[in-house]
């Protein structure tokens, strides 16, 4: 929202300056000019922001392991996420946030329905500093890939066991060293529907290696967003349960995966949807 407010203030100030200096209000038939100017200056502010964001990524090498998040990169990602949700008419309803540990790092697991899923979390849970494990192609997106890399986002290659293990180890190190919390989608890909795919149990080894709580959440509604700024789309994020460290360590990764999926499926089913289990 900081970006939206800043862009709005910039466009209003510039529009007022031109309107007054050119005495546009003295001519009733020019009433439409200030409205157009508001839009134009808002667009200019957005373009300048995107240009600065792009230029800031030119020196970034996504193959390097980040030791800690870059505050500037995190700020740009968070604000752009908020801006994207706002102009897309997406309104997020978040419940159960009081269950999330505020004094410890954790592993967040969720179902996966849309590319919007991590964007919603980036904005609505920004105080928890959650970096996601993503597919390789996302880290290769021009500018965006480098910016999320600055937030300690990581890619995972499920086709290469050795590289996948390295990612899991790095993610657990981030948690153990109090750098960032980690978010994963155990399905490995978007379902694009209410139904969930199979969970990859290996993802849960992050919590076991890090010795951290496991936060189970569900997201609903992102798969139906129409991206129309003139309409409102409701998205729901529900924090369902937190499995504490002792229980995480006492269970096998397969058991954690099966249990998490059941908790999610039961909740989704209670909302009148079909999780496919």
C-alpha atoms as a PDB file:
ATOM      1  CA  UNK A   1       0.000   0.000   0.000  1.00  0.00           C
ATOM      2  CA  UNK A   2       2.945   2.347   0.454  1.00  0.00           C
ATOM      3  CA  UNK A   3       3.479   2.329  -3.307  1.00  0.00           C
ATOM      4  CA  UNK A   4      -0.170   3.040  -4.078  1.00  0.00           C
ATOM      5  CA  UNK A   5      -0.196   5.973  -1.649  1.00  0.00           C
ATOM      6  CA  UNK A   6       3.126   7.305  -2.947  1.00  0.00           C
ATOM      7  CA  UNK A   7       2.026   7.043  -6.576  1.00  0.00           C
ATOM      8  CA  UNK A   8      -1.300   8.703  -5.743  1.00  0.00           C
ATOM      9  CA  UNK A   9       0.363  11.597  -3.902  1.00  0.00           C
ATOM     10  CA  UNK A  10       2.819  12.097  -6.760  1.00  0.00           C
ATOM     11  CA  UNK A  11       0.079  12.118  -9.405  1.00  0.00           C
ATOM     12  CA  UNK A  12      -2.185  14.442  -7.375  1.00  0.00           C
ATOM     13  CA  UNK A  13       0.615  16.930  -6.699  1.00  0.00           C
ATOM     14  CA  UNK A  14       1.724  17.018 -10.346  1.00  0.00           C
ATOM     15  CA  UNK A  15      -1.850  17.307 -11.579  1.00  0.00           C
ATOM     16  CA  UNK A  16      -2.642  20.147  -9.172  1.00  0.00           C
ATOM     17  CA  UNK A  17       0.517  22.001 -10.165  1.00  0.00           C
ATOM     18  CA  UNK A  18      -0.276  21.822 -13.886  1.00  0.00           C
ATOM     19  CA  UNK A  19      -3.973  22.557 -13.372  1.00  0.00           C
ATOM     20  CA  UNK A  20      -3.267  25.676 -11.317  1.00  0.00           C
ATOM     21  CA  UNK A  21      -0.284  26.918 -13.325  1.00  0.00           C
ATOM     22  CA  UNK A  22      -2.183  26.570 -16.606  1.00  0.00           C
ATOM     23  CA  UNK A  23      -5.465  27.844 -15.111  1.00  0.00           C
ATOM     24  CA  UNK A  24      -7.308  24.823 -16.522  1.00  0.00           C
ATOM     25  CA  UNK A  25     -10.235  25.228 -14.136  1.00  0.00           C
ATOM     26  CA  UNK A  26     -11.147  28.515 -15.818  1.00  0.00           C
ATOM     27  CA  UNK A  27     -12.345  26.581 -18.856  1.00  0.00           C
ATOM     28  CA  UNK A  28     -15.214  24.206 -18.139  1.00  0.00           C
ATOM     29  CA  UNK A  29     -14.686  22.246 -21.342  1.00  0.00           C
ATOM     30  CA  UNK A  30     -11.228  21.186 -20.075  1.00  0.00           C
ATOM     31  CA  UNK A  31     -12.673  19.393 -17.038  1.00  0.00           C
ATOM     32  CA  UNK A  32     -11.419  16.058 -18.380  1.00  0.00           C
ATOM     33  CA  UNK A  33      -7.763  17.125 -18.514  1.00  0.00           C
ATOM     34  CA  UNK A  34      -7.019  16.806 -14.755  1.00  0.00           C
ATOM     35  CA  UNK A  35      -8.543  13.325 -14.773  1.00  0.00           C
ATOM     36  CA  UNK A  36      -6.291  12.246 -17.634  1.00  0.00           C
ATOM     37  CA  UNK A  37      -3.295  13.880 -15.971  1.00  0.00           C
ATOM     38  CA  UNK A  38      -3.934  11.916 -12.769  1.00  0.00           C
ATOM     39  CA  UNK A  39      -3.806   8.668 -14.719  1.00  0.00           C
ATOM     40  CA  UNK A  40      -0.751   9.722 -16.744  1.00  0.00           C
ATOM     41  CA  UNK A  41       1.304  10.770 -13.720  1.00  0.00           C
ATOM     42  CA  UNK A  42       0.312   7.613 -11.834  1.00  0.00           C
ATOM     43  CA  UNK A  43       1.537   5.594 -14.817  1.00  0.00           C
ATOM     44  CA  UNK A  44       4.782   7.606 -14.940  1.00  0.00           C
ATOM     45  CA  UNK A  45       5.385   6.891 -11.239  1.00  0.00           C
ATOM     46  CA  UNK A  46       4.813   3.183 -11.822  1.00  0.00           C
ATOM     47  CA  UNK A  47       7.192   3.105 -14.804  1.00  0.00           C
ATOM     48  CA  UNK A  48       9.898   4.926 -12.836  1.00  0.00           C
ATOM     49  CA  UNK A  49       9.508   2.457  -9.978  1.00  0.00           C
ATOM     50  CA  UNK A  50       9.804  -0.512 -12.323  1.00  0.00           C
ATOM     51  CA  UNK A  51      12.861   1.050 -13.959  1.00  0.00           C
ATOM     52  CA  UNK A  52      14.588   1.544 -10.612  1.00  0.00           C
ATOM     53  CA  UNK A  53      13.691  -2.017  -9.607  1.00  0.00           C
ATOM     54  CA  UNK A  54      15.113  -3.366 -12.863  1.00  0.00           C
ATOM     55  CA  UNK A  55      18.343  -1.369 -12.648  1.00  0.00           C
ATOM     56  CA  UNK A  56      18.860  -2.569  -9.074  1.00  0.00           C
ATOM     57  CA  UNK A  57      18.952  -6.185 -10.293  1.00  0.00           C
ATOM     58  CA  UNK A  58      21.631  -5.866 -12.980  1.00  0.00           C
ATOM     59  CA  UNK A  59      24.470  -6.828 -10.638  1.00  0.00           C
ATOM     60  CA  UNK A  60      22.677  -9.799  -9.035  1.00  0.00           C
ATOM     61  CA  UNK A  61      23.842 -13.362  -9.684  1.00  0.00           C
ATOM     62  CA  UNK A  62      21.062 -15.841  -8.904  1.00  0.00           C
ATOM     63  CA  UNK A  63      23.548 -18.722  -8.790  1.00  0.00           C
ATOM     64  CA  UNK A  64      25.109 -17.333  -5.619  1.00  0.00           C
ATOM     65  CA  UNK A  65      23.719 -18.426  -2.261  1.00  0.00           C
ATOM     66  CA  UNK A  66      22.401 -15.463  -0.307  1.00  0.00           C
ATOM     67  CA  UNK A  67      23.684 -15.178   3.248  1.00  0.00           C
ATOM     68  CA  UNK A  68      20.740 -13.029   4.280  1.00  0.00           C
ATOM     69  CA  UNK A  69      17.926 -11.042   2.626  1.00  0.00           C
ATOM     70  CA  UNK A  70      18.635  -7.689   1.008  1.00  0.00           C
ATOM     71  CA  UNK A  71      16.256  -5.219   2.754  1.00  0.00           C
ATOM     72  CA  UNK A  72      15.839  -3.173  -0.436  1.00  0.00           C
ATOM     73  CA  UNK A  73      14.963  -6.243  -2.482  1.00  0.00           C
ATOM     74  CA  UNK A  74      12.505  -7.412   0.179  1.00  0.00           C
ATOM     75  CA  UNK A  75      10.856  -3.975   0.280  1.00  0.00           C
ATOM     76  CA  UNK A  76      10.391  -3.870  -3.490  1.00  0.00           C
ATOM     77  CA  UNK A  77       8.951  -7.406  -3.539  1.00  0.00           C
ATOM     78  CA  UNK A  78       6.536  -6.712  -0.685  1.00  0.00           C
ATOM     79  CA  UNK A  79       5.321  -3.424  -2.081  1.00  0.00           C
ATOM     80  CA  UNK A  80       4.959  -4.758  -5.593  1.00  0.00           C
ATOM     81  CA  UNK A  81       2.986  -7.720  -4.213  1.00  0.00           C
ATOM     82  CA  UNK A  82       0.657  -5.334  -2.359  1.00  0.00           C
ATOM     83  CA  UNK A  83       0.300  -3.153  -5.454  1.00  0.00           C
ATOM     84  CA  UNK A  84      -0.485  -6.124  -7.682  1.00  0.00           C
ATOM     85  CA  UNK A  85      -3.156  -7.422  -5.300  1.00  0.00           C
ATOM     86  CA  UNK A  86      -4.695  -3.966  -4.970  1.00  0.00           C
ATOM     87  CA  UNK A  87      -4.978  -3.135  -8.671  1.00  0.00           C
ATOM     88  CA  UNK A  88      -6.214  -6.676  -9.404  1.00  0.00           C
ATOM     89  CA  UNK A  89      -9.124  -6.163  -7.041  1.00  0.00           C
ATOM     90  CA  UNK A  90      -8.012  -8.971  -4.729  1.00  0.00           C
ATOM     91  CA  UNK A  91      -9.121  -8.767  -1.110  1.00  0.00           C
ATOM     92  CA  UNK A  92      -7.530 -11.267   1.271  1.00  0.00           C
ATOM     93  CA  UNK A  93      -9.274 -12.714   4.324  1.00  0.00           C
ATOM     94  CA  UNK A  94      -6.639 -14.092   6.716  1.00  0.00           C
ATOM     95  CA  UNK A  95      -7.532 -16.206   9.758  1.00  0.00           C
ATOM     96  CA  UNK A  96      -5.536 -18.068  12.399  1.00  0.00           C
ATOM     97  CA  UNK A  97      -2.545 -15.729  12.271  1.00  0.00           C
ATOM     98  CA  UNK A  98      -2.359 -15.783  16.069  1.00  0.00           C
ATOM     99  CA  UNK A  99      -1.233 -19.427  15.847  1.00  0.00           C
ATOM    100  CA  UNK A 100       1.954 -18.572  13.932  1.00  0.00           C
ATOM    101  CA  UNK A 101       5.093 -18.404  16.113  1.00  0.00           C
ATOM    102  CA  UNK A 102       6.165 -14.772  16.353  1.00  0.00           C
ATOM    103  CA  UNK A 103       9.486 -15.447  18.112  1.00  0.00           C
ATOM    104  CA  UNK A 104      10.815 -18.365  16.048  1.00  0.00           C
ATOM    105  CA  UNK A 105      11.459 -19.287  12.454  1.00  0.00           C
ATOM    106  CA  UNK A 106       9.235 -21.967  10.969  1.00  0.00           C
ATOM    107  CA  UNK A 107       8.353 -23.964   7.859  1.00  0.00           C
ATOM    108  CA  UNK A 108       5.065 -22.936   6.237  1.00  0.00           C
ATOM    109  CA  UNK A 109       3.306 -25.543   4.070  1.00  0.00           C
ATOM    110  CA  UNK A 110       0.222 -24.923   1.963  1.00  0.00           C
ATOM    111  CA  UNK A 111      -1.800 -26.215  -0.951  1.00  0.00           C
ATOM    112  CA  UNK A 112      -1.027 -24.560  -4.279  1.00  0.00           C
ATOM    113  CA  UNK A 113      -3.685 -23.268  -6.702  1.00  0.00           C
ATOM    114  CA  UNK A 114      -2.188 -20.298  -8.524  1.00  0.00           C
ATOM    115  CA  UNK A 115       0.938 -18.233  -9.150  1.00  0.00           C
ATOM    116  CA  UNK A 116      -0.716 -15.674  -6.885  1.00  0.00           C
ATOM    117  CA  UNK A 117      -0.335 -17.894  -3.805  1.00  0.00           C
ATOM    118  CA  UNK A 118       3.156 -16.748  -2.725  1.00  0.00           C
ATOM    119  CA  UNK A 119       2.330 -13.150  -3.679  1.00  0.00           C
ATOM    120  CA  UNK A 120      -0.568 -13.179  -1.219  1.00  0.00           C
ATOM    121  CA  UNK A 121       1.677 -14.487   1.561  1.00  0.00           C
ATOM    122  CA  UNK A 122       4.475 -12.042   0.690  1.00  0.00           C
ATOM    123  CA  UNK A 123       2.082  -9.174   1.351  1.00  0.00           C
ATOM    124  CA  UNK A 124      -0.189 -10.422   4.124  1.00  0.00           C
ATOM    125  CA  UNK A 125       2.476 -12.169   6.214  1.00  0.00           C
ATOM    126  CA  UNK A 126       5.326  -9.780   5.519  1.00  0.00           C
ATOM    127  CA  UNK A 127       6.237  -9.370   9.204  1.00  0.00           C
ATOM    128  CA  UNK A 128       7.241 -13.056   9.327  1.00  0.00           C
ATOM    129  CA  UNK A 129       9.832 -12.731   6.518  1.00  0.00           C
ATOM    130  CA  UNK A 130       8.967 -15.916   4.619  1.00  0.00           C
ATOM    131  CA  UNK A 131      11.120 -16.920   1.642  1.00  0.00           C
ATOM    132  CA  UNK A 132       9.703 -19.561  -0.687  1.00  0.00           C
ATOM    133  CA  UNK A 133      11.188 -22.543  -2.422  1.00  0.00           C
ATOM    134  CA  UNK A 134      10.131 -22.181  -6.037  1.00  0.00           C
ATOM    135  CA  UNK A 135      10.526 -23.904  -9.363  1.00  0.00           C
ATOM    136  CA  UNK A 136      13.667 -23.113 -11.350  1.00  0.00           C
ATOM    137  CA  UNK A 137      11.860 -21.135 -14.065  1.00  0.00           C
ATOM    138  CA  UNK A 138      10.619 -18.530 -11.553  1.00  0.00           C
ATOM    139  CA  UNK A 139      14.179 -17.579 -10.642  1.00  0.00           C
ATOM    140  CA  UNK A 140      14.886 -17.018 -14.342  1.00  0.00           C
ATOM    141  CA  UNK A 141      12.122 -14.434 -14.858  1.00  0.00           C
ATOM    142  CA  UNK A 142      13.839 -11.146 -15.843  1.00  0.00           C
ATOM    143  CA  UNK A 143      14.234  -8.772 -12.867  1.00  0.00           C
ATOM    144  CA  UNK A 144      11.602 -10.593 -10.772  1.00  0.00           C
ATOM    145  CA  UNK A 145      13.744 -13.706 -10.436  1.00  0.00           C
ATOM    146  CA  UNK A 146      16.689 -11.660  -9.216  1.00  0.00           C
ATOM    147  CA  UNK A 147      14.554  -9.662  -6.777  1.00  0.00           C
ATOM    148  CA  UNK A 148      13.085 -12.732  -5.094  1.00  0.00           C
ATOM    149  CA  UNK A 149      16.589 -14.232  -5.003  1.00  0.00           C
ATOM    150  CA  UNK A 150      17.566 -11.181  -2.942  1.00  0.00           C
ATOM    151  CA  UNK A 151      14.896 -12.323  -0.468  1.00  0.00           C
ATOM    152  CA  UNK A 152      16.585 -15.741  -0.190  1.00  0.00           C
ATOM    153  CA  UNK A 153      14.026 -17.456  -2.425  1.00  0.00           C
ATOM    154  CA  UNK A 154      15.473 -20.711  -3.714  1.00  0.00           C
ATOM    155  CA  UNK A 155      14.805 -23.002  -6.641  1.00  0.00           C
ATOM    156  CA  UNK A 156      14.491 -26.757  -6.349  1.00  0.00           C
ATOM    157  CA  UNK A 157      15.192 -29.292  -9.076  1.00  0.00           C
ATOM    158  CA  UNK A 158      13.067 -32.322  -8.271  1.00  0.00           C
ATOM    159  CA  UNK A 159      14.600 -34.165 -11.238  1.00  0.00           C
ATOM    160  CA  UNK A 160      18.060 -33.920  -9.695  1.00  0.00           C
ATOM    161  CA  UNK A 161      18.189 -35.558  -6.256  1.00  0.00           C
ATOM    162  CA  UNK A 162      21.584 -34.112  -5.349  1.00  0.00           C
ATOM    163  CA  UNK A 163      20.546 -30.537  -6.121  1.00  0.00           C
ATOM    164  CA  UNK A 164      17.228 -31.027  -4.319  1.00  0.00           C
ATOM    165  CA  UNK A 165      19.079 -32.157  -1.193  1.00  0.00           C
ATOM    166  CA  UNK A 166      21.281 -29.053  -1.371  1.00  0.00           C
ATOM    167  CA  UNK A 167      18.205 -26.835  -1.500  1.00  0.00           C
ATOM    168  CA  UNK A 168      16.619 -28.627   1.455  1.00  0.00           C
ATOM    169  CA  UNK A 169      19.841 -28.251   3.439  1.00  0.00           C
ATOM    170  CA  UNK A 170      20.155 -24.556   2.580  1.00  0.00           C
ATOM    171  CA  UNK A 171      16.530 -23.944   3.545  1.00  0.00           C
ATOM    172  CA  UNK A 172      17.027 -25.656   6.898  1.00  0.00           C
ATOM    173  CA  UNK A 173      20.180 -23.573   7.468  1.00  0.00           C
ATOM    174  CA  UNK A 174      18.231 -20.374   6.864  1.00  0.00           C
ATOM    175  CA  UNK A 175      15.767 -21.406   9.553  1.00  0.00           C
ATOM    176  CA  UNK A 176      18.373 -22.655  12.045  1.00  0.00           C
ATOM    177  CA  UNK A 177      20.448 -19.476  11.661  1.00  0.00           C
ATOM    178  CA  UNK A 178      17.376 -17.248  12.123  1.00  0.00           C
ATOM    179  CA  UNK A 179      17.739 -15.741   8.634  1.00  0.00           C
ATOM    180  CA  UNK A 180      14.238 -16.321   7.203  1.00  0.00           C
ATOM    181  CA  UNK A 181      11.311 -18.668   7.616  1.00  0.00           C
ATOM    182  CA  UNK A 182      10.624 -20.919   4.639  1.00  0.00           C
ATOM    183  CA  UNK A 183       7.442 -21.516   2.658  1.00  0.00           C
ATOM    184  CA  UNK A 184       6.890 -24.571   0.465  1.00  0.00           C
ATOM    185  CA  UNK A 185       4.146 -26.083  -1.672  1.00  0.00           C
ATOM    186  CA  UNK A 186       4.515 -29.851  -1.171  1.00  0.00           C
ATOM    187  CA  UNK A 187       2.499 -30.573  -4.345  1.00  0.00           C
ATOM    188  CA  UNK A 188       5.409 -29.143  -6.319  1.00  0.00           C
ATOM    189  CA  UNK A 189       3.126 -27.498  -8.874  1.00  0.00           C
ATOM    190  CA  UNK A 190      -0.186 -25.645  -9.104  1.00  0.00           C
ATOM    191  CA  UNK A 191      -3.354 -27.697  -9.100  1.00  0.00           C
ATOM    192  CA  UNK A 192      -5.289 -24.804 -10.720  1.00  0.00           C
ATOM    193  CA  UNK A 193      -8.382 -26.196  -9.013  1.00  0.00           C
ATOM    194  CA  UNK A 194      -9.816 -27.113  -5.614  1.00  0.00           C
ATOM    195  CA  UNK A 195      -8.232 -30.556  -5.767  1.00  0.00           C
ATOM    196  CA  UNK A 196      -4.792 -31.234  -4.333  1.00  0.00           C
ATOM    197  CA  UNK A 197      -2.031 -33.262  -5.932  1.00  0.00           C
ATOM    198  CA  UNK A 198       0.350 -35.694  -4.260  1.00  0.00           C
ATOM    199  CA  UNK A 199       2.632 -34.248  -1.598  1.00  0.00           C
ATOM    200  CA  UNK A 200       6.418 -34.632  -1.883  1.00  0.00           C
ATOM    201  CA  UNK A 201       7.482 -35.883   1.535  1.00  0.00           C
ATOM    202  CA  UNK A 202      11.070 -34.704   1.061  1.00  0.00           C
ATOM    203  CA  UNK A 203       9.985 -31.094   1.505  1.00  0.00           C
ATOM    204  CA  UNK A 204       9.134 -31.799   5.159  1.00  0.00           C
ATOM    205  CA  UNK A 205      12.730 -32.757   5.909  1.00  0.00           C
ATOM    206  CA  UNK A 206      13.420 -29.028   6.084  1.00  0.00           C
ATOM    207  CA  UNK A 207      11.512 -28.750   9.370  1.00  0.00           C
ATOM    208  CA  UNK A 208      13.130 -31.909  10.711  1.00  0.00           C
ATOM    209  CA  UNK A 209      16.664 -30.798   9.858  1.00  0.00           C
ATOM    210  CA  UNK A 210      16.060 -27.267  11.138  1.00  0.00           C
ATOM    211  CA  UNK A 211      14.275 -28.392  14.300  1.00  0.00           C
ATOM    212  CA  UNK A 212      11.494 -25.856  13.778  1.00  0.00           C
ATOM    213  CA  UNK A 213       7.687 -25.757  13.997  1.00  0.00           C
ATOM    214  CA  UNK A 214       5.607 -26.760  10.988  1.00  0.00           C
ATOM    215  CA  UNK A 215       2.808 -24.326  10.135  1.00  0.00           C
ATOM    216  CA  UNK A 216      -0.026 -25.873   8.106  1.00  0.00           C
ATOM    217  CA  UNK A 217      -2.107 -23.449   6.053  1.00  0.00           C
ATOM    218  CA  UNK A 218      -4.672 -23.437   3.262  1.00  0.00           C
ATOM    219  CA  UNK A 219      -5.283 -20.917   0.506  1.00  0.00           C
ATOM    220  CA  UNK A 220      -8.531 -20.724  -1.452  1.00  0.00           C
ATOM    221  CA  UNK A 221      -9.810 -18.529  -4.247  1.00  0.00           C
ATOM    222  CA  UNK A 222      -6.632 -17.631  -6.129  1.00  0.00           C
ATOM    223  CA  UNK A 223      -7.510 -20.087  -8.896  1.00  0.00           C
ATOM    224  CA  UNK A 224     -10.640 -18.082  -9.790  1.00  0.00           C
ATOM    225  CA  UNK A 225      -9.203 -14.546  -9.773  1.00  0.00           C
ATOM    226  CA  UNK A 226     -10.107 -12.695 -12.986  1.00  0.00           C
ATOM    227  CA  UNK A 227      -7.608  -9.793 -12.659  1.00  0.00           C
ATOM    228  CA  UNK A 228     -10.315  -7.180 -13.323  1.00  0.00           C
ATOM    229  CA  UNK A 229      -9.577  -3.935 -11.508  1.00  0.00           C
ATOM    230  CA  UNK A 230     -13.273  -3.051 -11.613  1.00  0.00           C
ATOM    231  CA  UNK A 231     -14.301  -6.179  -9.669  1.00  0.00           C
ATOM    232  CA  UNK A 232     -13.361  -7.648  -6.297  1.00  0.00           C
ATOM    233  CA  UNK A 233     -12.089 -11.198  -5.832  1.00  0.00           C
ATOM    234  CA  UNK A 234     -12.002 -12.749  -2.376  1.00  0.00           C
ATOM    235  CA  UNK A 235      -9.010 -14.911  -1.448  1.00  0.00           C
ATOM    236  CA  UNK A 236      -8.907 -16.836   1.819  1.00  0.00           C
ATOM    237  CA  UNK A 237      -5.793 -17.796   3.767  1.00  0.00           C
ATOM    238  CA  UNK A 238      -6.345 -19.921   6.856  1.00  0.00           C
ATOM    239  CA  UNK A 239      -3.646 -20.969   9.319  1.00  0.00           C
ATOM    240  CA  UNK A 240      -4.913 -24.355  10.469  1.00  0.00           C
ATOM    241  CA  UNK A 241      -2.382 -25.852  12.825  1.00  0.00           C
ATOM    242  CA  UNK A 242       1.158 -25.573  14.139  1.00  0.00           C
ATOM    243  CA  UNK A 243       3.067 -28.788  14.795  1.00  0.00           C
ATOM    244  CA  UNK A 244       5.708 -28.178  17.433  1.00  0.00           C
ATOM    245  CA  UNK A 245       9.326 -29.249  17.187  1.00  0.00           C
ATOM    246  CA  UNK A 246       9.116 -32.398  19.345  1.00  0.00           C
ATOM    247  CA  UNK A 247       6.302 -33.821  17.229  1.00  0.00           C
ATOM    248  CA  UNK A 248       8.029 -32.833  13.988  1.00  0.00           C
ATOM    249  CA  UNK A 249      11.130 -34.754  15.023  1.00  0.00           C
ATOM    250  CA  UNK A 250       9.166 -37.778  16.221  1.00  0.00           C
ATOM    251  CA  UNK A 251       7.361 -38.264  12.899  1.00  0.00           C
ATOM    252  CA  UNK A 252       8.742 -39.471   9.576  1.00  0.00           C
ATOM    253  CA  UNK A 253       8.655 -37.042   6.671  1.00  0.00           C
ATOM    254  CA  UNK A 254       6.067 -39.241   4.943  1.00  0.00           C
ATOM    255  CA  UNK A 255       3.880 -39.108   8.041  1.00  0.00           C
ATOM    256  CA  UNK A 256       4.190 -35.334   8.198  1.00  0.00           C
ATOM    257  CA  UNK A 257       3.221 -35.069   4.541  1.00  0.00           C
ATOM    258  CA  UNK A 258       0.212 -37.368   4.929  1.00  0.00           C
ATOM    259  CA  UNK A 259      -0.948 -35.644   8.101  1.00  0.00           C
ATOM    260  CA  UNK A 260      -0.588 -32.137   6.638  1.00  0.00           C
ATOM    261  CA  UNK A 261      -2.493 -33.120   3.516  1.00  0.00           C
ATOM    262  CA  UNK A 262      -5.309 -34.639   5.611  1.00  0.00           C
ATOM    263  CA  UNK A 263      -5.601 -31.494   7.756  1.00  0.00           C
ATOM    264  CA  UNK A 264      -5.792 -29.330   4.625  1.00  0.00           C
ATOM    265  CA  UNK A 265      -8.246 -31.645   2.879  1.00  0.00           C
ATOM    266  CA  UNK A 266     -10.567 -31.844   5.893  1.00  0.00           C
ATOM    267  CA  UNK A 267     -10.663 -28.057   6.137  1.00  0.00           C
ATOM    268  CA  UNK A 268     -11.242 -27.565   2.405  1.00  0.00           C
ATOM    269  CA  UNK A 269     -14.027 -30.134   2.522  1.00  0.00           C
ATOM    270  CA  UNK A 270     -15.617 -28.304   5.468  1.00  0.00           C
ATOM    271  CA  UNK A 271     -15.873 -25.221   3.259  1.00  0.00           C
ATOM    272  CA  UNK A 272     -17.900 -27.117   0.682  1.00  0.00           C
ATOM    273  CA  UNK A 273     -15.058 -27.723  -1.747  1.00  0.00           C
ATOM    274  CA  UNK A 274     -13.650 -30.958  -3.116  1.00  0.00           C
ATOM    275  CA  UNK A 275      -9.930 -31.507  -2.333  1.00  0.00           C
ATOM    276  CA  UNK A 276      -9.908 -34.689  -4.371  1.00  0.00           C
ATOM    277  CA  UNK A 277      -8.920 -37.077  -1.563  1.00  0.00           C
END
